[in-house]
Protein backbone atom coordinates (compact mmCIF):
# COMPACT_ATOMS: atom_id res chain seq x y z
CA MET A 1 -4.90 29.54 -15.65
CA SER A 2 -5.44 28.26 -12.30
CA ASN A 3 -8.70 26.83 -11.06
CA VAL A 4 -10.50 28.80 -8.69
CA HIS A 5 -13.74 27.92 -6.81
CA THR A 6 -16.23 29.89 -5.02
CA LYS A 7 -17.19 27.52 -2.37
CA SER A 8 -15.63 27.63 1.08
CA THR A 9 -13.01 24.89 2.03
CA LYS A 10 -14.27 22.34 4.55
CA VAL A 11 -11.37 21.11 6.75
CA PHE A 12 -11.19 17.67 8.15
CA ALA A 13 -8.71 17.57 11.27
CA LEU A 14 -7.53 13.99 12.00
CA TYR A 15 -5.00 12.61 14.63
CA LEU A 16 -2.66 10.21 13.33
CA ASP A 17 -1.57 7.06 15.28
CA LYS A 18 2.07 7.12 16.29
CA ASP A 19 2.62 3.59 15.18
CA PHE A 20 2.41 4.42 11.37
CA THR A 21 5.85 4.28 9.75
CA ARG A 22 6.95 7.34 8.19
CA THR A 23 6.32 5.76 4.63
CA GLU A 24 2.83 5.04 5.61
CA GLU A 25 2.22 8.49 6.96
CA LEU A 26 3.47 9.68 3.56
CA ALA A 27 1.14 7.39 1.69
CA ILE A 28 -1.74 8.58 3.89
CA TYR A 29 -0.76 12.39 3.23
CA ASN A 30 -0.66 11.52 -0.49
CA ALA A 31 -4.19 10.03 -0.25
CA ALA A 32 -5.39 13.23 1.36
CA ARG A 33 -3.79 15.42 -1.22
CA LEU A 34 -5.26 13.44 -4.08
CA TRP A 35 -8.79 14.17 -2.59
CA GLU A 36 -7.82 17.91 -2.20
CA ARG A 37 -6.48 18.01 -5.76
CA ALA A 38 -9.62 16.17 -7.25
CA THR A 39 -12.08 18.49 -5.29
CA ASN A 40 -10.07 21.72 -6.23
CA ASN A 41 -9.32 22.33 -2.56
CA MET A 42 -13.07 22.25 -1.50
CA ILE A 43 -11.80 19.88 1.21
CA LYS A 44 -8.56 19.89 3.14
CA PHE A 45 -7.13 17.32 5.49
CA VAL A 46 -5.13 18.57 8.50
CA PHE A 47 -3.09 15.83 10.52
CA LYS A 48 -1.74 15.88 13.83
CA LYS A 49 0.58 12.90 14.91
CA THR A 50 -0.04 11.88 18.33
CA GLU A 51 1.98 10.05 20.86
CA VAL A 52 -1.03 8.41 22.68
CA ASP A 53 -1.84 4.73 22.38
CA PHE A 54 -5.19 4.37 20.91
CA ASP A 55 -7.85 2.06 22.10
CA PRO A 56 -10.11 1.58 19.01
CA ILE A 57 -13.05 0.79 21.11
CA LEU A 58 -12.74 3.81 23.26
CA PHE A 59 -11.74 6.20 20.27
CA MET A 60 -14.48 5.24 17.84
CA SER A 61 -16.03 8.58 18.26
CA GLN A 62 -12.80 10.55 17.57
CA ASN A 63 -11.18 11.81 14.43
CA VAL A 64 -8.32 9.32 14.51
CA ILE A 65 -6.56 7.16 12.11
CA TRP A 66 -5.54 4.14 13.88
CA ARG A 67 -2.97 1.65 12.65
CA GLY A 68 -4.52 -1.68 13.11
CA SER A 69 -2.06 -4.67 13.03
CA PRO A 70 -2.97 -8.29 12.71
CA LYS A 71 -0.60 -9.08 15.75
CA ASP A 72 -2.52 -6.63 18.00
CA GLY A 73 -5.43 -8.41 19.79
CA ARG A 74 -7.33 -5.06 19.95
CA LEU A 75 -7.91 -5.38 16.07
CA LEU A 76 -9.30 -8.91 16.34
CA ILE A 77 -11.76 -7.62 19.08
CA PHE A 78 -12.46 -4.52 16.81
CA GLU A 79 -13.21 -6.74 13.75
CA THR A 80 -15.32 -9.22 15.94
CA VAL A 81 -17.36 -6.46 17.80
CA VAL A 82 -17.55 -3.48 15.36
CA VAL A 83 -17.11 -4.85 11.74
CA GLY A 84 -17.91 -8.64 11.69
CA GLY A 85 -14.93 -9.65 9.51
CA GLU A 86 -11.24 -9.10 8.55
CA ILE A 87 -10.57 -5.72 7.08
CA LEU A 88 -7.90 -3.72 5.07
CA GLY A 89 -9.53 -0.40 6.29
CA PHE A 90 -12.67 0.85 7.88
CA ALA A 91 -14.22 4.18 8.39
CA PRO A 92 -17.74 5.34 9.34
CA PRO A 93 -18.56 8.74 7.97
CA HIS A 94 -17.03 11.63 9.92
CA LYS A 95 -15.59 9.35 12.64
CA TYR A 96 -12.34 7.32 12.97
CA ILE A 97 -10.45 5.44 10.37
CA VAL A 98 -8.85 2.11 10.80
CA LEU A 99 -5.99 0.98 8.35
CA VAL A 100 -4.15 -2.31 8.39
CA PRO A 101 -1.03 -1.92 6.19
CA GLU A 102 0.25 -5.51 6.71
CA ARG A 103 -2.91 -6.63 4.66
CA THR A 104 -2.24 -4.60 1.69
CA ASP A 105 0.06 -5.94 -1.17
CA SER A 106 2.02 -2.81 -1.99
CA LEU A 107 2.39 0.78 -1.02
CA LEU A 108 0.27 1.83 -3.81
CA HIS A 109 -2.47 -0.51 -2.56
CA PHE A 110 -2.25 0.95 0.97
CA GLN A 111 -2.42 4.43 -0.54
CA LYS A 112 -5.57 3.62 -2.31
CA ILE A 113 -7.08 2.00 0.79
CA ALA A 114 -6.21 5.23 2.61
CA ALA A 115 -7.83 7.43 -0.07
CA HIS A 116 -10.81 5.15 -0.13
CA GLU A 117 -11.29 5.36 3.79
CA LEU A 118 -10.81 9.14 3.69
CA GLY A 119 -13.53 9.25 1.10
CA HIS A 120 -15.78 7.53 3.65
CA HIS A 121 -14.63 9.91 6.27
CA ILE A 122 -15.78 12.85 4.16
CA GLY A 123 -19.25 11.03 4.01
CA LEU A 124 -18.97 9.22 0.54
CA LEU A 125 -20.42 5.69 -0.18
CA HIS A 126 -19.05 3.04 -2.55
CA THR A 127 -19.31 3.93 -6.25
CA PRO A 128 -17.06 2.84 -9.22
CA ALA A 129 -13.21 3.60 -8.97
CA ILE A 130 -11.50 4.61 -5.57
CA MET A 131 -14.84 4.41 -3.69
CA ASP A 132 -15.43 0.80 -4.84
CA SER A 133 -14.19 -1.41 -2.01
CA GLY A 134 -13.04 -4.29 -4.44
CA SER A 135 -11.27 -1.89 -6.88
CA LYS A 136 -7.55 -1.23 -6.95
CA SER A 137 -7.87 1.72 -8.98
CA PRO A 138 -5.64 4.47 -7.87
CA CYS A 139 -7.91 7.25 -9.30
CA ILE A 140 -10.82 9.40 -8.01
CA SER A 141 -13.16 9.25 -10.85
CA LYS A 142 -16.03 10.99 -12.26
CA HIS A 143 -18.32 8.62 -10.41
CA ASP A 144 -16.83 9.60 -7.07
CA LEU A 145 -16.81 13.22 -7.98
CA ILE A 146 -20.53 13.02 -8.74
CA GLN A 147 -21.33 11.77 -5.40
CA PHE A 148 -19.03 14.46 -3.74
CA CYS A 149 -20.92 17.24 -5.60
CA ASP A 150 -24.13 15.86 -4.67
CA LYS A 151 -23.07 15.97 -1.01
CA TYR A 152 -21.23 19.18 -1.15
CA SER A 153 -23.29 21.14 -3.59
CA CYS A 154 -20.49 21.76 -6.16
CA ASN A 155 -20.61 21.76 -9.85
CA LEU A 156 -18.66 19.00 -11.66
CA HIS A 157 -16.81 21.67 -13.70
CA GLU A 158 -15.37 22.71 -10.57
CA VAL A 159 -13.61 19.48 -9.66
CA ARG A 160 -11.50 16.97 -11.96
CA ALA A 161 -10.66 13.26 -11.70
CA SER A 162 -7.38 12.65 -10.41
CA CYS A 163 -4.95 9.71 -10.03
CA PHE A 164 -1.70 9.11 -7.91
CA ASP A 165 0.98 9.95 -10.10
CA TYR A 166 3.74 8.86 -7.73
CA ILE A 167 4.43 7.69 -4.09
CA GLU A 168 6.91 9.55 -1.94
CA SER A 169 8.73 6.91 0.30
CA ASN A 170 10.98 9.35 2.37
């Protein structure tokens, strides 16, 4: 029996920085699929890879996932001017996302950070589990989904907690 919901699907279109490796892209796609699966497809992420070099200061109002690198002076400027400290990822609601793969300790950790920042992109705040900034949990929990349903007017019976079950690497 398949789960069918009566709500319409909200689509989030994001440009993906050309500097992500293929493995990093797949981790981001898997993070997006985790949210789609947990929300019973009430949200959908659509990605378009771009060949444009992103300037994080100029693109802050755009729907972009920028690959920050500690070797790139733009990240230091971004962290100093916008965030006020070193980051693994950053995302104000419904705008851009910054991910810094070199600062994560594994592909699963990077994928969790991507899922966390995608949660901010859809408007969620910090809660226990994947939306907890200090947690390394690879799961979207009931706490995350309560907040999601409050924001998107859904019933908790329509959504389900979901965890990463594997990471594609190629």
